Protein backbone atom coordinates (compact mmCIF):
# COMPACT_ATOMS: atom_id res chain seq x y z
CA MET A 1 165.91 -145.04 15.53
CA GLU A 2 162.94 -143.73 13.53
CA LEU A 3 163.52 -140.44 11.69
CA THR A 4 160.99 -138.59 13.89
CA SER A 5 162.75 -139.77 17.04
CA LEU A 6 166.11 -138.97 15.48
CA HIS A 7 165.01 -135.40 14.75
CA THR A 8 163.90 -134.93 18.36
CA LYS A 9 167.16 -136.35 19.69
CA LEU A 10 169.23 -134.11 17.41
CA HIS A 11 167.50 -131.03 18.81
CA GLU A 12 168.39 -132.23 22.32
CA LEU A 13 172.03 -132.88 21.40
CA GLY A 14 172.25 -129.58 19.54
CA ALA A 15 171.03 -127.69 22.59
CA LEU A 16 173.55 -129.59 24.73
CA ALA A 17 176.36 -128.65 22.31
CA GLU A 18 175.31 -125.01 22.54
CA GLU A 19 175.53 -125.17 26.32
CA GLN A 20 179.08 -126.52 26.01
CA ASN A 21 180.12 -124.12 23.26
CA LYS A 22 182.58 -122.15 25.38
CA LEU A 23 184.42 -125.39 26.18
CA ILE A 24 184.30 -126.49 22.53
CA LEU A 25 185.86 -123.22 21.36
CA GLN A 26 188.52 -123.39 24.05
CA HIS A 27 189.57 -126.98 23.32
CA ARG A 28 188.96 -126.78 19.54
CA TYR A 29 187.05 -130.06 19.48
CA VAL A 30 183.64 -131.40 20.48
CA PRO A 31 183.71 -133.50 23.69
CA ASP A 32 183.94 -137.23 22.96
CA GLU A 33 180.89 -137.92 25.11
CA LEU A 34 178.74 -135.66 22.94
CA VAL A 35 179.93 -137.29 19.70
CA ASN A 36 179.35 -140.74 21.19
CA GLN A 37 175.78 -139.73 22.01
CA LEU A 38 175.41 -138.58 18.41
CA LYS A 39 176.76 -141.93 17.22
CA ASP A 40 174.15 -143.70 19.34
CA THR A 41 171.35 -141.90 17.46
CA GLY A 42 172.42 -143.58 14.21
CA ALA A 43 172.81 -140.23 12.44
CA PHE A 44 176.25 -141.19 11.10
CA ARG A 45 174.66 -144.32 9.58
CA LEU A 46 171.92 -142.65 7.55
CA TRP A 47 173.83 -143.34 4.32
CA VAL A 48 175.38 -146.66 5.40
CA ALA A 49 174.01 -149.60 3.42
CA GLN A 50 171.28 -151.68 5.08
CA ALA A 51 173.39 -154.78 4.43
CA TYR A 52 175.80 -153.51 7.12
CA GLY A 53 173.15 -152.31 9.58
CA GLY A 54 172.71 -148.78 8.19
CA HIS A 55 169.58 -146.86 7.21
CA GLN A 56 170.39 -146.49 3.47
CA SER A 57 168.20 -143.40 3.70
CA HIS A 58 167.22 -140.62 1.30
CA VAL A 59 169.78 -137.85 0.72
CA LEU A 60 167.34 -135.33 2.21
CA ASP A 61 167.29 -137.14 5.56
CA LEU A 62 170.97 -136.52 6.28
CA MET A 63 170.66 -132.96 4.99
CA GLN A 64 167.91 -132.24 7.52
CA ALA A 65 169.92 -133.81 10.33
CA VAL A 66 172.94 -131.65 9.51
CA GLN A 67 170.84 -128.49 9.35
CA THR A 68 169.29 -129.26 12.74
CA LEU A 69 172.65 -129.66 14.47
CA SER A 70 174.22 -126.70 12.66
CA TYR A 71 171.43 -124.45 13.90
CA TYR A 72 172.77 -124.97 17.41
CA ASN A 73 176.47 -125.59 16.80
CA GLY A 74 178.21 -125.29 13.43
CA SER A 75 181.10 -127.53 14.43
CA LEU A 76 178.91 -130.47 15.43
CA GLY A 77 176.80 -130.03 12.29
CA TRP A 78 179.95 -129.95 10.15
CA ILE A 79 181.28 -133.16 11.68
CA LEU A 80 178.03 -134.94 10.85
CA GLY A 81 177.92 -133.33 7.41
CA VAL A 82 181.35 -134.45 6.23
CA THR A 83 181.57 -137.83 7.96
CA GLY A 84 177.92 -138.74 7.45
CA THR A 85 178.29 -138.23 3.70
CA ALA A 86 181.51 -140.30 3.70
CA ALA A 87 179.31 -143.29 4.58
CA LEU A 88 178.37 -143.45 0.88
CA SER A 89 181.56 -145.49 0.52
CA SER A 90 179.72 -148.42 2.14
CA GLY A 91 177.96 -148.98 -1.16
CA TYR A 92 181.18 -149.03 -3.19
CA LEU A 93 183.55 -151.21 -1.17
CA PRO A 94 183.71 -155.02 -1.48
CA SER A 95 181.12 -156.48 0.89
CA ALA A 96 183.56 -158.14 3.30
CA VAL A 97 185.57 -154.93 3.66
CA ALA A 98 182.44 -152.77 3.91
CA GLN A 99 181.13 -155.05 6.66
CA GLU A 100 184.38 -154.67 8.61
CA ILE A 101 184.49 -150.87 8.23
CA TYR A 102 180.79 -150.03 8.55
CA GLY A 103 179.28 -153.02 10.36
CA HIS A 104 179.81 -151.68 13.89
CA PRO A 105 176.93 -149.52 15.24
CA ARG A 106 179.38 -146.71 16.06
CA ALA A 107 181.32 -146.88 12.79
CA MET A 108 182.36 -143.50 11.44
CA THR A 109 184.64 -142.58 8.53
CA GLY A 110 186.12 -139.29 7.40
CA GLY A 111 189.14 -137.56 5.92
CA TRP A 112 190.30 -135.78 2.79
CA ALA A 113 189.54 -137.42 -0.56
CA ALA A 114 191.65 -135.21 -2.84
CA PRO A 115 194.78 -137.10 -4.01
CA ALA A 116 197.35 -135.36 -1.81
CA GLY A 117 199.09 -138.66 -1.05
CA ARG A 118 201.18 -140.93 -3.24
CA ALA A 119 201.05 -144.71 -3.54
CA LYS A 120 202.53 -147.53 -5.53
CA ARG A 121 201.28 -151.01 -6.15
CA VAL A 122 202.92 -153.81 -4.18
CA GLU A 123 201.97 -157.41 -3.63
CA GLY A 124 198.62 -157.54 -1.88
CA GLY A 125 197.84 -153.82 -1.93
CA ILE A 126 199.31 -150.33 -2.21
CA LEU A 127 202.09 -148.64 -0.25
CA VAL A 128 200.98 -145.17 0.82
CA ASN A 129 202.83 -142.02 1.84
CA GLY A 130 201.01 -138.76 2.27
CA LYS A 131 199.83 -135.80 4.25
CA TRP A 132 196.30 -134.43 4.15
CA SER A 133 194.44 -131.38 5.47
CA TRP A 134 190.84 -130.82 6.62
CA GLY A 135 190.70 -133.96 8.74
CA SER A 136 187.32 -132.93 10.12
CA GLY A 137 186.17 -135.22 12.90
CA ILE A 138 188.89 -137.82 12.33
CA ARG A 139 189.67 -137.96 16.07
CA TYR A 140 186.31 -139.79 16.43
CA CYS A 141 186.57 -142.00 13.32
CA SER A 142 186.87 -145.78 13.29
CA HIS A 143 188.55 -145.53 9.87
CA ILE A 144 190.21 -142.54 8.21
CA VAL A 145 190.44 -141.95 4.46
CA GLY A 146 193.09 -140.24 2.39
CA GLY A 147 193.14 -139.51 -1.32
CA VAL A 148 196.13 -140.83 -3.27
CA LEU A 149 197.59 -141.04 -6.75
CA ILE A 150 198.68 -144.60 -7.44
CA ASP A 151 201.76 -145.00 -9.64
CA GLN A 152 200.89 -147.62 -12.27
CA GLY A 153 204.17 -147.49 -14.13
CA GLU A 154 205.28 -145.58 -17.19
CA ALA A 155 202.76 -147.29 -19.47
CA GLN A 156 199.70 -146.05 -17.58
CA ARG A 157 198.51 -142.80 -16.06
CA PRO A 158 198.42 -142.55 -12.25
CA LEU A 159 195.13 -143.73 -10.77
CA SER A 160 193.27 -141.45 -8.35
CA ALA A 161 191.90 -143.37 -5.37
CA ILE A 162 190.96 -143.14 -1.71
CA ALA A 163 192.48 -145.45 0.88
CA PHE A 164 191.10 -146.46 4.27
CA PHE A 165 193.44 -146.35 7.26
CA ASN A 166 193.20 -147.69 10.78
CA PRO A 167 193.53 -144.65 13.11
CA LYS A 168 196.43 -146.32 14.95
CA ASP A 169 198.47 -146.08 11.76
CA VAL A 170 197.82 -142.34 11.31
CA GLN A 171 199.84 -139.46 12.75
CA PHE A 172 197.72 -136.49 13.80
CA ILE A 173 199.11 -132.95 13.45
CA ASP A 174 197.39 -130.56 15.87
CA ASN A 175 197.30 -127.37 13.79
CA TRP A 176 193.61 -126.35 13.71
CA GLU A 177 193.97 -122.64 14.57
CA VAL A 178 191.35 -120.97 12.40
CA LEU A 179 188.65 -118.33 12.03
CA GLY A 180 185.55 -120.48 12.53
CA LEU A 181 184.21 -124.03 12.91
CA ASN A 182 186.81 -124.24 15.67
CA GLY A 183 185.31 -127.34 17.25
CA THR A 184 185.65 -129.49 14.14
CA ASN A 185 189.34 -130.11 14.93
CA SER A 186 189.97 -130.36 11.17
CA ILE A 187 193.64 -131.10 11.65
CA ASP A 188 196.30 -132.30 9.21
CA TYR A 189 197.27 -135.97 9.31
CA GLN A 190 199.78 -138.23 7.59
CA VAL A 191 200.97 -141.80 7.03
CA GLU A 192 204.40 -143.04 6.01
CA GLY A 193 205.10 -146.28 4.19
CA LEU A 194 201.72 -147.74 5.10
CA LEU A 195 200.54 -150.91 3.38
CA VAL A 196 196.85 -150.66 2.50
CA PRO A 197 195.56 -154.09 1.48
CA ASP A 198 193.57 -154.54 -1.71
CA GLY A 199 189.89 -153.99 -1.01
CA TYR A 200 190.66 -151.18 1.44
CA TRP A 201 191.12 -148.67 -1.35
CA MET A 202 188.89 -147.75 -4.27
CA PRO A 203 189.11 -145.50 -7.33
CA PHE A 204 187.99 -141.94 -6.74
CA PRO A 205 185.92 -140.41 -8.17
CA VAL A 206 183.94 -143.57 -7.67
CA ARG A 207 182.96 -145.93 -10.42
CA LYS A 208 180.10 -148.46 -10.30
CA ALA A 209 178.77 -149.25 -6.84
CA HIS A 210 178.78 -152.78 -5.44
CA ILE A 211 175.24 -152.19 -4.15
CA ASP A 212 172.79 -151.26 -6.88
CA ASP A 213 170.50 -148.85 -5.07
CA THR A 214 169.25 -145.32 -5.70
CA LEU A 215 171.43 -143.87 -2.94
CA TYR A 216 174.58 -145.31 -4.50
CA ARG A 217 173.59 -144.31 -8.03
CA PHE A 218 173.18 -140.73 -6.80
CA SER A 219 175.97 -138.33 -7.75
CA PHE A 220 178.74 -139.07 -5.23
CA LEU A 221 180.27 -135.58 -5.27
CA GLY A 222 176.85 -134.00 -5.50
CA ALA A 223 175.85 -135.81 -2.34
CA LEU A 224 179.03 -134.66 -0.59
CA SER A 225 178.24 -131.07 -1.55
CA THR A 226 174.83 -131.26 0.12
CA GLY A 227 176.47 -132.09 3.44
CA VAL A 228 178.58 -128.93 3.31
CA THR A 229 175.68 -126.78 2.16
CA SER A 230 173.37 -128.07 4.87
CA VAL A 231 175.73 -126.64 7.48
CA GLY A 232 175.35 -123.22 5.84
CA LEU A 233 171.57 -123.52 5.79
CA GLY A 234 171.46 -124.33 9.49
CA LEU A 235 173.69 -121.37 10.29
CA ALA A 236 171.61 -119.01 8.14
CA GLN A 237 168.35 -120.06 9.75
CA ARG A 238 169.86 -119.40 13.18
CA ALA A 239 171.16 -115.97 12.06
CA ILE A 240 167.66 -114.91 11.03
CA ASP A 241 166.21 -116.02 14.35
CA GLU A 242 169.03 -114.33 16.28
CA ILE A 243 168.68 -110.96 14.59
CA ILE A 244 164.90 -111.00 15.06
CA ARG A 245 165.39 -111.72 18.77
CA LEU A 246 168.05 -109.01 19.10
CA SER A 247 165.99 -106.47 17.16
CA LYS A 248 163.11 -106.83 19.61
CA GLN A 249 165.44 -106.03 22.51
CA LYS A 250 167.87 -103.46 21.13
CA VAL A 251 167.19 -99.74 21.23
CA PRO A 252 170.25 -98.03 19.66
CA ASN A 253 171.89 -95.19 21.56
CA GLY A 254 169.97 -91.94 21.07
CA ALA A 255 166.97 -93.71 19.59
CA ARG A 256 163.45 -94.13 20.96
CA ARG A 257 162.42 -97.23 19.06
CA SER A 258 163.80 -100.74 18.98
CA LEU A 259 165.29 -102.10 15.77
CA SER A 260 162.16 -104.22 15.35
CA GLU A 261 160.08 -101.07 14.93
CA ARG A 262 162.11 -99.68 12.02
CA PRO A 263 160.78 -100.16 8.45
CA ILE A 264 164.28 -100.57 7.00
CA VAL A 265 164.87 -103.51 9.34
CA HIS A 266 161.50 -105.00 8.36
CA GLU A 267 162.55 -104.89 4.71
CA LYS A 268 165.94 -106.45 5.33
CA ILE A 269 164.55 -109.25 7.48
CA ALA A 270 161.90 -110.07 4.87
CA LEU A 271 164.51 -110.25 2.10
CA MET A 272 166.75 -112.45 4.24
CA GLN A 273 163.87 -114.85 4.81
CA ALA A 274 163.05 -114.90 1.10
CA ARG A 275 166.67 -115.60 0.16
CA TYR A 276 166.93 -118.38 2.74
CA HIS A 277 163.77 -120.19 1.67
CA SER A 278 164.53 -119.72 -2.03
CA CYS A 279 168.00 -121.25 -1.96
CA LYS A 280 166.86 -124.06 0.36
CA LEU A 281 163.97 -124.96 -1.92
CA LEU A 282 166.20 -124.80 -5.00
CA LEU A 283 168.64 -127.22 -3.38
CA GLU A 284 165.91 -129.63 -2.29
CA GLU A 285 164.28 -129.51 -5.74
CA ASN A 286 167.56 -130.49 -7.38
CA VAL A 287 168.21 -133.25 -4.84
CA ARG A 288 164.81 -134.73 -5.68
CA LYS A 289 165.48 -134.39 -9.42
CA ASN A 290 168.82 -136.21 -9.05
CA TRP A 291 167.13 -138.86 -6.92
CA THR A 292 164.40 -139.45 -9.52
CA GLU A 293 166.98 -139.94 -12.28
CA ALA A 294 169.03 -142.20 -10.03
CA GLU A 295 165.95 -144.34 -9.43
CA LYS A 296 165.71 -144.86 -13.19
CA GLY A 297 169.42 -145.57 -13.68
CA ASN A 298 171.89 -142.88 -14.67
CA ILE A 299 171.92 -139.16 -13.88
CA SER A 300 172.67 -136.76 -16.71
CA ALA A 301 175.58 -134.34 -16.55
CA LYS A 302 173.11 -131.46 -16.71
CA THR A 303 171.17 -132.70 -13.70
CA LYS A 304 174.36 -133.30 -11.71
CA SER A 305 175.58 -129.83 -12.62
CA GLU A 306 172.32 -128.26 -11.47
CA LEU A 307 172.75 -129.87 -8.06
CA ARG A 308 176.31 -128.59 -7.68
CA LEU A 309 175.11 -125.16 -8.79
CA ALA A 310 172.30 -125.20 -6.22
CA SER A 311 174.69 -126.27 -3.45
CA THR A 312 177.21 -123.56 -4.28
CA TYR A 313 174.57 -120.88 -4.73
CA ALA A 314 172.96 -121.75 -1.41
CA VAL A 315 176.22 -121.29 0.49
CA GLU A 316 176.76 -117.94 -1.21
CA GLU A 317 173.25 -116.84 -0.20
CA CYS A 318 173.73 -118.12 3.35
CA SER A 319 176.94 -116.08 3.61
CA ALA A 320 175.05 -112.96 2.50
CA ILE A 321 172.19 -113.61 4.94
CA ILE A 322 174.50 -114.05 7.92
CA SER A 323 176.57 -111.01 6.97
CA GLN A 324 173.39 -108.93 6.76
CA ALA A 325 172.21 -110.14 10.16
CA TYR A 326 175.61 -109.29 11.63
CA LYS A 327 175.44 -105.76 10.18
CA ILE A 328 171.92 -105.12 11.43
CA GLY A 329 173.09 -106.06 14.93
CA GLY A 330 175.66 -103.27 14.85
CA GLY A 331 178.02 -103.07 17.79
CA SER A 332 176.09 -105.80 19.59
CA SER A 333 177.35 -108.37 17.05
CA ILE A 334 181.08 -107.96 17.51
CA TRP A 335 181.67 -109.51 20.92
CA ASN A 336 183.16 -112.92 21.65
CA GLY A 337 180.40 -115.18 22.89
CA VAL A 338 177.72 -113.46 20.80
CA LYS A 339 176.04 -115.92 18.45
CA LEU A 340 176.00 -113.60 15.44
CA GLN A 341 179.78 -113.25 15.60
CA GLU A 342 180.17 -117.02 15.83
CA LEU A 343 177.83 -117.57 12.87
CA LEU A 344 179.75 -115.07 10.74
CA LYS A 345 183.04 -116.84 11.45
CA ASP A 346 181.60 -120.29 10.81
CA ILE A 347 179.98 -119.47 7.46
CA HIS A 348 183.18 -117.94 6.14
CA VAL A 349 184.94 -121.25 6.77
CA VAL A 350 182.09 -123.27 5.24
CA SER A 351 182.30 -121.15 2.08
CA GLN A 352 185.96 -122.09 1.53
CA HIS A 353 185.28 -125.80 1.00
CA GLY A 354 185.99 -127.01 -2.52
CA MET A 355 182.61 -128.74 -2.83
CA VAL A 356 180.95 -125.31 -2.86
CA GLY A 357 183.78 -123.21 -4.30
CA PRO A 358 183.34 -120.60 -7.09
CA SER A 359 184.73 -123.00 -9.71
CA ASN A 360 181.38 -124.80 -9.57
CA PHE A 361 179.72 -121.76 -11.17
CA GLU A 362 182.14 -121.97 -14.09
CA ILE A 363 181.42 -125.67 -14.58
CA ALA A 364 177.65 -125.04 -14.48
CA GLY A 365 178.11 -122.29 -17.07
CA ARG A 366 180.01 -124.64 -19.38
CA VAL A 367 177.24 -127.22 -19.07
CA ALA A 368 174.67 -124.53 -19.90
CA PHE A 369 176.57 -123.87 -23.17
CA ASP A 370 176.87 -127.61 -23.90
CA LEU A 371 180.65 -127.35 -23.61
CA LYS A 372 182.72 -130.33 -22.58
CA VAL A 373 183.37 -130.81 -18.86
CA ASN A 374 185.03 -133.52 -16.79
CA GLU A 375 181.92 -135.30 -15.52
CA TRP A 376 183.85 -136.70 -12.58
CA LEU A 377 183.85 -133.13 -11.21
CA LEU A 378 180.07 -133.39 -10.89
């Protein structure tokens, strides 16, 4: 599907998700039929290598897709954001394995990459035991990933890696009872004594890609951070539109004028718009800068850091924008079923993800002072 057609289809699916939002919140997951329709658009394959039937697209293309869906439904946007970015792995796995995992038109991968699991080397692979959280969208995935520390014996340090599991080998733990992003069904999951064959696991953070292309030379963690941030941008854009719509309609008790006729509201709306466009443009500028360096070969630590800084800053700004919109709405914002309340809940879950956590500011500060940092964190 061409990107223009994809964008149109995403608006249609987003509107459909919004219509079904009450059901999504009640069940705590997006209906399978809706996710299957999203799979059919090819959105989950924007970062899958062309060798396996994917688009091998620009980082900005997936970011825009995530923002479009998040504008209508944060949960659906989040699922695309975290599983769509996981498709970067297609460029790092051995070709035969990558073909098996990503070759199907409806292939989808997701899970938690932090090394919460443990593994040891055995003949033909690694033996994995572990339990992971934030399994966003894994109920729809064709393969599920889990981060592990591989015991390499006393002579060597444990190796951090991610392993790919067949869903039939994974136990799901239905515990997603949370503030926001309810429909992501980001449950815990675990495996016990599972043999993962060689080729179906890879070091993480990633090393050199098997496919030498700009997309796979791009900062892996930086790319993941853009997926999370794009959800926040979609939510913030919707919050601005919602409070403008509400302000035209609402005349507070005892007042003669609508909110839209008050100068203080004009000022706040203008500042919200400025903050939104500023952080969005900063993020896009740094994505393009990273892309340009990736085209030439390697990306510097400074450039990677600037992208992580832009991602983290954008989520912080989006949180402030949505909170401001919620406050302007007053008592009209507090009710279940009101979009501003939903947006406030969703952004406060987005902001807790490690890819955009406050520690990224500290790392960016160290880079600014030319102090040593672990580049794998970038």
